[in-house]
Every structure is written in structure tokens, then in C-alpha cells.
Amino acid sequence: MNALTRLAEAKTKRAQIRTVATRLKTFIENFDPNQESRYEIKEHKKKLEDLWSLFDTVQSRIEILENVDPANVDKDVFRK
């Protein structure tokens, strides 16, 4: 798989993470403690924290792939 394909996949994954994060953000913003349980908000918050970690990893990967000069790359870098 070449660098451009990996970059496209990483950007797609980032978009998917953003979509889920937006849904979670909306849920948290609209949370009504009179109608929903505290357990739900805690679980959504935990999931948002996990998503942030995944987003950070994917974003770092994108930054690496965008700054790679294909002429000077060892193919093993992309096989990780």
C-alpha cells in the first residue's frame, strides 16, 4: 500500500472520528439530568476521551504522511 493510500485512509478515519465526536458532544450538550441517567453521561464522556486519544493518533499519522518525501522514504516506515 502506498503513502497516498495510507494518507487517504487516515483522513477517512479522522472524518469518522469527528462524526462520532460531534454526536457525543451534542448528546452531552443536550443532556437533561431529569430525564437521563448519570451513568449515560459518564459513559459518553469516557467514549469521548477514548475518541480523542484515537483522533490524536490518527492526526499524528496524517501529519507524518503529509510530510514524507516519497523519494527519500524507506518502505518499512509505511508497513508499521
Protein backbone atom coordinates (compact mmCIF):
# COMPACT_ATOMS: atom_id res chain seq x y z
CA MET A 1 0.00 0.00 0.00
CA ASN A 2 1.49 3.36 -0.95
CA ALA A 3 1.73 6.54 1.11
CA LEU A 4 -1.14 8.27 -0.69
CA THR A 5 -3.49 5.37 0.01
CA ARG A 6 -2.49 5.32 3.68
CA LEU A 7 -2.99 9.08 3.86
CA ALA A 8 -6.46 8.82 2.33
CA GLU A 9 -7.39 6.03 4.76
CA ALA A 10 -6.13 8.06 7.73
CA LYS A 11 -8.14 11.09 6.62
CA THR A 12 -11.25 8.94 6.24
CA LYS A 13 -10.71 7.53 9.74
CA ARG A 14 -10.27 11.07 11.10
CA ALA A 15 -13.57 12.13 9.50
CA GLN A 16 -15.33 9.13 11.05
CA ILE A 17 -13.93 10.01 14.48
CA ARG A 18 -15.07 13.62 14.09
CA THR A 19 -18.59 12.45 13.22
CA VAL A 20 -18.84 10.27 16.33
CA ALA A 21 -17.30 13.02 18.49
CA THR A 22 -19.84 15.52 17.20
CA ARG A 23 -22.70 13.18 18.07
CA LEU A 24 -21.29 12.68 21.56
CA LYS A 25 -20.79 16.42 22.00
CA THR A 26 -24.39 17.05 21.02
CA PHE A 27 -25.60 14.43 23.47
CA ILE A 28 -23.56 15.97 26.29
CA GLU A 29 -24.72 19.49 25.47
CA ASN A 30 -28.36 18.41 25.42
CA PHE A 31 -28.11 16.17 28.46
CA ASP A 32 -31.08 16.54 30.81
CA PRO A 33 -30.31 15.14 34.26
CA ASN A 34 -34.04 14.89 34.97
CA GLN A 35 -34.64 12.52 32.07
CA GLU A 36 -31.35 10.68 31.62
CA SER A 37 -29.04 8.83 33.97
CA ARG A 38 -25.67 9.98 35.21
CA TYR A 39 -24.31 6.64 34.05
CA GLU A 40 -25.09 7.59 30.44
CA ILE A 41 -23.23 10.88 30.66
CA LYS A 42 -20.23 9.18 32.28
CA GLU A 43 -20.13 6.54 29.55
CA HIS A 44 -20.41 9.15 26.80
CA LYS A 45 -17.66 11.19 28.42
CA LYS A 46 -15.40 8.13 28.59
CA LYS A 47 -16.08 7.35 24.95
CA LEU A 48 -15.26 10.95 24.03
CA GLU A 49 -11.95 10.67 25.89
CA ASP A 50 -11.15 7.42 24.04
CA LEU A 51 -12.06 9.06 20.73
CA TRP A 52 -9.77 11.98 21.48
CA SER A 53 -6.88 9.59 22.01
CA LEU A 54 -7.65 7.81 18.74
CA PHE A 55 -8.05 11.15 16.94
CA ASP A 56 -4.66 12.27 18.23
CA THR A 57 -3.04 9.08 16.96
CA VAL A 58 -4.67 9.35 13.54
CA GLN A 59 -3.86 13.05 13.26
CA SER A 60 -0.20 12.37 14.07
CA ARG A 61 -0.16 9.69 11.38
CA ILE A 62 -1.63 12.14 8.86
CA GLU A 63 0.98 14.74 9.73
CA ILE A 64 3.77 12.20 9.27
CA LEU A 65 2.38 11.01 5.94
CA GLU A 66 1.87 14.54 4.65
CA ASN A 67 5.46 15.47 5.44
CA VAL A 68 7.07 12.43 3.86
CA ASP A 69 9.14 12.93 0.75
CA PRO A 70 8.39 9.79 -1.32
CA ALA A 71 11.85 9.90 -2.91
CA ASN A 72 13.57 9.53 0.46
CA VAL A 73 11.29 7.10 2.23
CA ASP A 74 12.22 3.66 3.43
CA LYS A 75 9.24 1.41 2.63
CA ASP A 76 9.34 -0.09 6.13
CA VAL A 77 8.07 3.20 7.58
CA PHE A 78 4.69 2.59 5.96
CA ARG A 79 4.40 -1.07 6.92
CA LYS A 80 4.07 -0.34 10.64
